[in-house]
Amino acid sequence: MYKLSVVTQEKVLFEEDVSSLIAPGAQGYLGILTDHAPLITSLVPGKLTIKDTSGNENFYAISGGFLEVSNNRATILADAVEPLEDIDLSRAESALQRARERLQKQEDIDLERARKAKERAENRLKLKKGR
């Protein structure tokens, strides 16, 4: 068991003791258990799986960020995190369509921001649809 904090710019989403965490690292998914070696890594869009101390798994869509592990404490600084059950499929599909349209125009837009919006929408749809 160790303490996990999941933080976004807006709020502390989660701060509890957990038994494990699986997060989408830049080089692949990482599993974090009690007494894990110290680690700092970037996170990419994907599925965040948190297992509580009772063994229940909770799933979240994460759009990227950073993970730090040290002294039986893990902290995720996330760009955005959303419980899978809270994802609105039609809203995610609309966001993907808007991002695709912005990327096609490529005029007077922040291309990096548009790419990230597209990645986030694709991740949310993939996880919600279970693919």
N, C-alpha and C. Protein backbone atom coordinates (compact mmCIF):
# COMPACT_ATOMS: atom_id res chain seq x y z
N MET A 1 0.84 -1.17 0.00
CA MET A 1 0.00 0.00 0.00
C MET A 1 0.90 1.25 0.00
N TYR A 2 0.47 2.24 -0.77
CA TYR A 2 1.18 3.52 -0.80
C TYR A 2 0.20 4.63 -1.13
N LYS A 3 0.60 5.86 -0.92
CA LYS A 3 -0.26 7.02 -1.16
C LYS A 3 -0.12 7.46 -2.62
N LEU A 4 -1.26 7.65 -3.28
CA LEU A 4 -1.30 8.14 -4.66
C LEU A 4 -2.06 9.45 -4.69
N SER A 5 -1.48 10.44 -5.36
CA SER A 5 -2.16 11.72 -5.62
C SER A 5 -2.22 11.92 -7.13
N VAL A 6 -3.40 12.25 -7.62
CA VAL A 6 -3.59 12.58 -9.03
C VAL A 6 -4.09 14.02 -9.06
N VAL A 7 -3.28 14.89 -9.68
CA VAL A 7 -3.52 16.33 -9.64
C VAL A 7 -3.56 16.89 -11.06
N THR A 8 -4.55 17.77 -11.31
CA THR A 8 -4.59 18.54 -12.56
C THR A 8 -4.44 20.01 -12.18
N GLN A 9 -4.41 20.87 -13.17
CA GLN A 9 -4.31 22.30 -12.89
C GLN A 9 -5.52 22.79 -12.11
N GLU A 10 -6.66 22.17 -12.32
CA GLU A 10 -7.90 22.61 -11.69
C GLU A 10 -8.10 22.09 -10.28
N LYS A 11 -7.67 20.84 -10.02
CA LYS A 11 -8.01 20.25 -8.72
C LYS A 11 -7.19 19.00 -8.43
N VAL A 12 -7.30 18.57 -7.17
CA VAL A 12 -6.76 17.27 -6.77
C VAL A 12 -7.89 16.28 -7.02
N LEU A 13 -7.70 15.40 -7.99
CA LEU A 13 -8.74 14.46 -8.39
C LEU A 13 -8.80 13.26 -7.45
N PHE A 14 -7.65 12.87 -6.95
CA PHE A 14 -7.57 11.61 -6.21
C PHE A 14 -6.42 11.72 -5.22
N GLU A 15 -6.65 11.32 -3.98
CA GLU A 15 -5.56 11.28 -3.00
C GLU A 15 -5.93 10.23 -1.96
N GLU A 16 -5.43 9.02 -2.19
CA GLU A 16 -5.78 7.89 -1.33
C GLU A 16 -4.66 6.87 -1.33
N ASP A 17 -4.76 5.93 -0.38
CA ASP A 17 -3.87 4.79 -0.38
C ASP A 17 -4.35 3.82 -1.46
N VAL A 18 -3.40 3.24 -2.19
CA VAL A 18 -3.71 2.28 -3.25
C VAL A 18 -2.78 1.08 -3.13
N SER A 19 -3.15 0.01 -3.83
CA SER A 19 -2.26 -1.15 -3.84
C SER A 19 -1.46 -1.22 -5.14
N SER A 20 -1.98 -0.62 -6.24
CA SER A 20 -1.21 -0.59 -7.48
C SER A 20 -1.74 0.47 -8.43
N LEU A 21 -0.92 0.75 -9.41
CA LEU A 21 -1.20 1.75 -10.42
C LEU A 21 -0.59 1.26 -11.73
N ILE A 22 -1.33 1.40 -12.81
CA ILE A 22 -0.78 1.14 -14.15
C ILE A 22 -1.00 2.42 -14.95
N ALA A 23 0.09 2.99 -15.47
CA ALA A 23 0.04 4.27 -16.15
C ALA A 23 0.73 4.19 -17.51
N PRO A 24 0.24 4.98 -18.49
CA PRO A 24 0.82 4.97 -19.83
C PRO A 24 2.07 5.85 -19.94
N GLY A 25 3.23 5.25 -19.78
CA GLY A 25 4.48 5.98 -19.91
C GLY A 25 4.88 6.15 -21.37
N ALA A 26 5.82 7.01 -21.61
CA ALA A 26 6.28 7.29 -22.98
C ALA A 26 6.86 6.05 -23.65
N GLN A 27 7.41 5.12 -22.86
CA GLN A 27 8.01 3.90 -23.42
C GLN A 27 7.13 2.68 -23.25
N GLY A 28 5.88 2.87 -22.80
CA GLY A 28 4.95 1.78 -22.58
C GLY A 28 4.32 1.90 -21.21
N TYR A 29 3.40 0.99 -20.92
CA TYR A 29 2.70 1.05 -19.64
C TYR A 29 3.61 0.64 -18.50
N LEU A 30 3.46 1.33 -17.35
CA LEU A 30 4.26 1.07 -16.15
C LEU A 30 3.35 0.56 -15.05
N GLY A 31 3.81 -0.43 -14.32
CA GLY A 31 3.11 -0.89 -13.14
C GLY A 31 3.85 -0.42 -11.90
N ILE A 32 3.13 0.16 -10.97
CA ILE A 32 3.74 0.69 -9.75
C ILE A 32 3.11 -0.04 -8.56
N LEU A 33 3.94 -0.70 -7.78
CA LEU A 33 3.52 -1.40 -6.57
C LEU A 33 4.21 -0.78 -5.37
N THR A 34 3.86 -1.23 -4.18
CA THR A 34 4.50 -0.76 -2.95
C THR A 34 6.01 -0.98 -3.03
N ASP A 35 6.78 -0.06 -2.48
CA ASP A 35 8.24 -0.11 -2.45
C ASP A 35 8.89 -0.02 -3.82
N HIS A 36 8.20 0.60 -4.79
CA HIS A 36 8.77 0.79 -6.12
C HIS A 36 10.00 1.70 -6.02
N ALA A 37 10.97 1.46 -6.86
CA ALA A 37 12.16 2.31 -6.93
C ALA A 37 11.77 3.73 -7.32
N PRO A 38 12.52 4.74 -6.87
CA PRO A 38 12.24 6.12 -7.26
C PRO A 38 12.23 6.26 -8.79
N LEU A 39 11.32 7.09 -9.27
CA LEU A 39 11.10 7.20 -10.71
C LEU A 39 10.44 8.54 -11.03
N ILE A 40 10.85 9.14 -12.12
CA ILE A 40 10.15 10.28 -12.71
C ILE A 40 10.06 10.00 -14.19
N THR A 41 8.84 10.08 -14.75
CA THR A 41 8.66 9.80 -16.16
C THR A 41 7.50 10.62 -16.71
N SER A 42 7.53 10.83 -18.02
CA SER A 42 6.40 11.50 -18.66
C SER A 42 5.32 10.47 -18.96
N LEU A 43 4.10 10.94 -19.04
CA LEU A 43 2.96 10.10 -19.38
C LEU A 43 2.37 10.57 -20.69
N VAL A 44 1.79 9.64 -21.42
CA VAL A 44 1.16 9.92 -22.71
C VAL A 44 -0.33 9.61 -22.60
N PRO A 45 -1.13 10.01 -23.58
CA PRO A 45 -2.55 9.66 -23.52
C PRO A 45 -2.74 8.14 -23.45
N GLY A 46 -3.65 7.73 -22.59
CA GLY A 46 -3.92 6.30 -22.43
C GLY A 46 -4.83 6.04 -21.26
N LYS A 47 -4.83 4.78 -20.82
CA LYS A 47 -5.69 4.37 -19.71
C LYS A 47 -4.89 4.31 -18.43
N LEU A 48 -5.41 4.92 -17.39
CA LEU A 48 -4.83 4.90 -16.06
C LEU A 48 -5.67 3.93 -15.24
N THR A 49 -5.03 2.93 -14.66
CA THR A 49 -5.73 1.94 -13.85
C THR A 49 -5.22 2.05 -12.42
N ILE A 50 -6.16 2.28 -11.50
CA ILE A 50 -5.81 2.41 -10.08
C ILE A 50 -6.53 1.32 -9.32
N LYS A 51 -5.77 0.50 -8.58
CA LYS A 51 -6.37 -0.54 -7.75
C LYS A 51 -6.32 -0.08 -6.31
N ASP A 52 -7.50 0.02 -5.68
CA ASP A 52 -7.55 0.49 -4.30
C ASP A 52 -7.13 -0.63 -3.34
N THR A 53 -7.11 -0.33 -2.07
CA THR A 53 -6.63 -1.29 -1.07
C THR A 53 -7.58 -2.46 -0.87
N SER A 54 -8.83 -2.35 -1.40
CA SER A 54 -9.79 -3.46 -1.33
C SER A 54 -9.71 -4.34 -2.58
N GLY A 55 -8.86 -3.95 -3.55
CA GLY A 55 -8.72 -4.73 -4.78
C GLY A 55 -9.62 -4.28 -5.91
N ASN A 56 -10.40 -3.22 -5.71
CA ASN A 56 -11.27 -2.70 -6.78
C ASN A 56 -10.45 -1.87 -7.75
N GLU A 57 -10.67 -2.07 -9.05
CA GLU A 57 -9.96 -1.30 -10.07
C GLU A 57 -10.84 -0.16 -10.56
N ASN A 58 -10.23 1.00 -10.71
CA ASN A 58 -10.90 2.18 -11.26
C ASN A 58 -10.11 2.61 -12.49
N PHE A 59 -10.82 2.99 -13.54
CA PHE A 59 -10.19 3.31 -14.82
C PHE A 59 -10.45 4.77 -15.19
N TYR A 60 -9.41 5.40 -15.74
CA TYR A 60 -9.46 6.81 -16.11
C TYR A 60 -8.80 6.98 -17.47
N ALA A 61 -9.28 7.97 -18.22
CA ALA A 61 -8.60 8.42 -19.44
C ALA A 61 -7.67 9.55 -19.00
N ILE A 62 -6.40 9.43 -19.33
CA ILE A 62 -5.44 10.48 -19.00
C ILE A 62 -4.87 10.99 -20.32
N SER A 63 -4.69 12.30 -20.40
CA SER A 63 -4.22 12.88 -21.66
C SER A 63 -2.73 13.16 -21.67
N GLY A 64 -2.04 12.83 -20.61
CA GLY A 64 -0.59 13.04 -20.54
C GLY A 64 -0.24 13.73 -19.24
N GLY A 65 1.04 13.86 -18.99
CA GLY A 65 1.52 14.51 -17.78
C GLY A 65 2.81 13.89 -17.31
N PHE A 66 2.97 13.84 -15.98
CA PHE A 66 4.19 13.30 -15.38
C PHE A 66 3.84 12.44 -14.18
N LEU A 67 4.68 11.44 -13.92
CA LEU A 67 4.53 10.56 -12.77
C LEU A 67 5.82 10.58 -11.99
N GLU A 68 5.70 10.79 -10.68
CA GLU A 68 6.86 10.72 -9.79
C GLU A 68 6.55 9.69 -8.71
N VAL A 69 7.52 8.81 -8.45
CA VAL A 69 7.39 7.80 -7.41
C VAL A 69 8.61 7.90 -6.51
N SER A 70 8.36 7.95 -5.18
CA SER A 70 9.45 8.04 -4.22
C SER A 70 8.90 7.76 -2.83
N ASN A 71 9.60 6.93 -2.07
CA ASN A 71 9.26 6.68 -0.66
C ASN A 71 7.79 6.28 -0.44
N ASN A 72 7.32 5.31 -1.23
CA ASN A 72 5.94 4.83 -1.12
C ASN A 72 4.90 5.94 -1.26
N ARG A 73 5.21 6.83 -2.18
CA ARG A 73 4.28 7.90 -2.56
C ARG A 73 4.40 8.10 -4.06
N ALA A 74 3.26 8.13 -4.74
CA ALA A 74 3.25 8.38 -6.19
C ALA A 74 2.39 9.61 -6.44
N THR A 75 2.87 10.46 -7.33
CA THR A 75 2.15 11.68 -7.69
C THR A 75 2.06 11.76 -9.20
N ILE A 76 0.84 11.94 -9.69
CA ILE A 76 0.62 12.16 -11.12
C ILE A 76 0.20 13.61 -11.29
N LEU A 77 0.96 14.34 -12.09
CA LEU A 77 0.60 15.70 -12.50
C LEU A 77 0.06 15.55 -13.91
N ALA A 78 -1.24 15.61 -14.05
CA ALA A 78 -1.88 15.28 -15.32
C ALA A 78 -2.38 16.51 -16.06
N ASP A 79 -2.29 16.46 -17.38
CA ASP A 79 -2.90 17.50 -18.21
C ASP A 79 -4.41 17.46 -18.02
N ALA A 80 -4.99 16.27 -18.11
CA ALA A 80 -6.42 16.05 -17.88
C ALA A 80 -6.62 14.58 -17.55
N VAL A 81 -7.55 14.32 -16.63
CA VAL A 81 -7.90 12.96 -16.23
C VAL A 81 -9.41 12.89 -16.09
N GLU A 82 -9.99 11.80 -16.60
CA GLU A 82 -11.44 11.67 -16.55
C GLU A 82 -11.82 10.22 -16.29
N PRO A 83 -12.66 9.96 -15.28
CA PRO A 83 -13.13 8.59 -15.06
C PRO A 83 -13.83 8.08 -16.33
N LEU A 84 -13.58 6.83 -16.71
CA LEU A 84 -14.17 6.31 -17.95
C LEU A 84 -15.70 6.42 -17.95
N GLU A 85 -16.32 6.20 -16.78
CA GLU A 85 -17.79 6.26 -16.74
C GLU A 85 -18.32 7.67 -16.97
N ASP A 86 -17.48 8.70 -16.83
CA ASP A 86 -17.92 10.08 -17.04
C ASP A 86 -17.74 10.56 -18.48
N ILE A 87 -17.13 9.75 -19.32
CA ILE A 87 -16.90 10.18 -20.71
C ILE A 87 -18.21 10.15 -21.48
N ASP A 88 -18.54 11.28 -22.08
CA ASP A 88 -19.73 11.41 -22.92
C ASP A 88 -19.28 11.11 -24.36
N LEU A 89 -19.77 10.02 -24.91
CA LEU A 89 -19.34 9.55 -26.22
C LEU A 89 -19.60 10.59 -27.32
N SER A 90 -20.78 11.18 -27.33
CA SER A 90 -21.09 12.14 -28.40
C SER A 90 -20.23 13.40 -28.26
N ARG A 91 -19.96 13.80 -27.03
CA ARG A 91 -19.08 14.97 -26.82
C ARG A 91 -17.66 14.68 -27.29
N ALA A 92 -17.18 13.47 -27.01
CA ALA A 92 -15.83 13.08 -27.45
C ALA A 92 -15.76 13.01 -28.97
N GLU A 93 -16.81 12.48 -29.60
CA GLU A 93 -16.83 12.41 -31.07
C GLU A 93 -16.84 13.81 -31.69
N SER A 94 -17.59 14.73 -31.09
CA SER A 94 -17.62 16.12 -31.57
C SER A 94 -16.26 16.78 -31.42
N ALA A 95 -15.60 16.53 -30.29
CA ALA A 95 -14.27 17.10 -30.06
C ALA A 95 -13.27 16.57 -31.08
N LEU A 96 -13.37 15.30 -31.41
CA LEU A 96 -12.47 14.72 -32.42
C LEU A 96 -12.72 15.36 -33.78
N GLN A 97 -13.97 15.53 -34.14
CA GLN A 97 -14.30 16.15 -35.42
C GLN A 97 -13.77 17.58 -35.50
N ARG A 98 -13.95 18.36 -34.43
CA ARG A 98 -13.44 19.74 -34.41
C ARG A 98 -11.92 19.77 -34.54
N ALA A 99 -11.25 18.86 -33.85
CA ALA A 99 -9.78 18.81 -33.91
C ALA A 99 -9.32 18.45 -35.32
N ARG A 100 -9.98 17.50 -35.95
CA ARG A 100 -9.62 17.12 -37.33
C ARG A 100 -9.80 18.28 -38.29
N GLU A 101 -10.91 19.01 -38.13
CA GLU A 101 -11.16 20.17 -39.00
C GLU A 101 -10.10 21.25 -38.82
N ARG A 102 -9.71 21.51 -37.57
CA ARG A 102 -8.67 22.50 -37.31
C ARG A 102 -7.35 22.08 -37.95
N LEU A 103 -7.02 20.81 -37.85
CA LEU A 103 -5.75 20.33 -38.41
C LEU A 103 -5.75 20.38 -39.93
N GLN A 104 -6.90 20.19 -40.55
CA GLN A 104 -6.97 20.27 -42.01
C GLN A 104 -6.75 21.69 -42.50
N LYS A 105 -7.25 22.67 -41.78
CA LYS A 105 -7.10 24.08 -42.19
C LYS A 105 -5.65 24.52 -42.08
N GLN A 106 -5.01 24.22 -40.97
CA GLN A 106 -3.61 24.57 -40.68
C GLN A 106 -3.28 26.04 -40.90
N GLU A 107 -4.27 26.88 -40.79
CA GLU A 107 -4.04 28.33 -40.91
C GLU A 107 -4.48 29.01 -39.63
N ASP A 108 -3.65 29.87 -39.12
CA ASP A 108 -3.98 30.66 -37.94
C ASP A 108 -4.42 29.81 -36.74
N ILE A 109 -3.79 28.65 -36.58
CA ILE A 109 -4.10 27.82 -35.42
C ILE A 109 -2.81 27.38 -34.74
N ASP A 110 -2.93 26.98 -33.52
CA ASP A 110 -1.82 26.39 -32.78
C ASP A 110 -1.83 24.90 -33.11
N LEU A 111 -0.94 24.47 -34.02
CA LEU A 111 -0.95 23.08 -34.48
C LEU A 111 -0.71 22.09 -33.34
N GLU A 112 0.18 22.41 -32.43
CA GLU A 112 0.46 21.50 -31.32
C GLU A 112 -0.77 21.32 -30.44
N ARG A 113 -1.45 22.40 -30.17
CA ARG A 113 -2.67 22.32 -29.36
C ARG A 113 -3.75 21.50 -30.08
N ALA A 114 -3.88 21.69 -31.39
CA ALA A 114 -4.86 20.93 -32.17
C ALA A 114 -4.51 19.44 -32.19
N ARG A 115 -3.22 19.12 -32.31
CA ARG A 115 -2.80 17.70 -32.29
C ARG A 115 -3.12 17.06 -30.95
N LYS A 116 -2.85 17.80 -29.86
CA LYS A 116 -3.13 17.27 -28.53
C LYS A 116 -4.63 17.08 -28.31
N ALA A 117 -5.43 18.00 -28.81
CA ALA A 117 -6.88 17.86 -28.70
C ALA A 117 -7.35 16.62 -29.45
N LYS A 118 -6.77 16.38 -30.61
CA LYS A 118 -7.12 15.19 -31.40
C LYS A 118 -6.71 13.93 -30.65
N GLU A 119 -5.49 13.89 -30.10
CA GLU A 119 -5.04 12.73 -29.33
C GLU A 119 -5.93 12.45 -28.14
N ARG A 120 -6.30 13.51 -27.43
CA ARG A 120 -7.14 13.36 -26.25
C ARG A 120 -8.51 12.78 -26.63
N ALA A 121 -9.11 13.32 -27.69
CA ALA A 121 -10.43 12.84 -28.13
C ALA A 121 -10.33 11.39 -28.60
N GLU A 122 -9.30 11.05 -29.35
CA GLU A 122 -9.13 9.66 -29.81
C GLU A 122 -8.97 8.71 -28.63
N ASN A 123 -8.20 9.12 -27.64
CA ASN A 123 -7.99 8.28 -26.45
C ASN A 123 -9.30 8.07 -25.71
N ARG A 124 -10.05 9.14 -25.51
CA ARG A 124 -11.32 9.04 -24.79
C ARG A 124 -12.27 8.10 -25.52
N LEU A 125 -12.36 8.21 -26.84
CA LEU A 125 -13.25 7.35 -27.62
C LEU A 125 -12.80 5.89 -27.56
N LYS A 126 -11.50 5.68 -27.72
CA LYS A 126 -10.96 4.31 -27.70
C LYS A 126 -11.25 3.64 -26.35
N LEU A 127 -11.01 4.35 -25.27
CA LEU A 127 -11.22 3.76 -23.95
C LEU A 127 -12.70 3.56 -23.64
N LYS A 128 -13.53 4.51 -24.03
CA LYS A 128 -14.97 4.40 -23.77
C LYS A 128 -15.58 3.25 -24.56
N LYS A 129 -15.11 3.06 -25.79
CA LYS A 129 -15.64 1.98 -26.63
C LYS A 129 -15.00 0.63 -26.32
N GLY A 130 -13.97 0.64 -25.45
CA GLY A 130 -13.35 -0.61 -25.04
C GLY A 130 -12.42 -1.24 -26.05
N ARG A 131 -11.81 -0.41 -26.89
CA ARG A 131 -10.89 -0.96 -27.89
C ARG A 131 -9.46 -0.75 -27.45
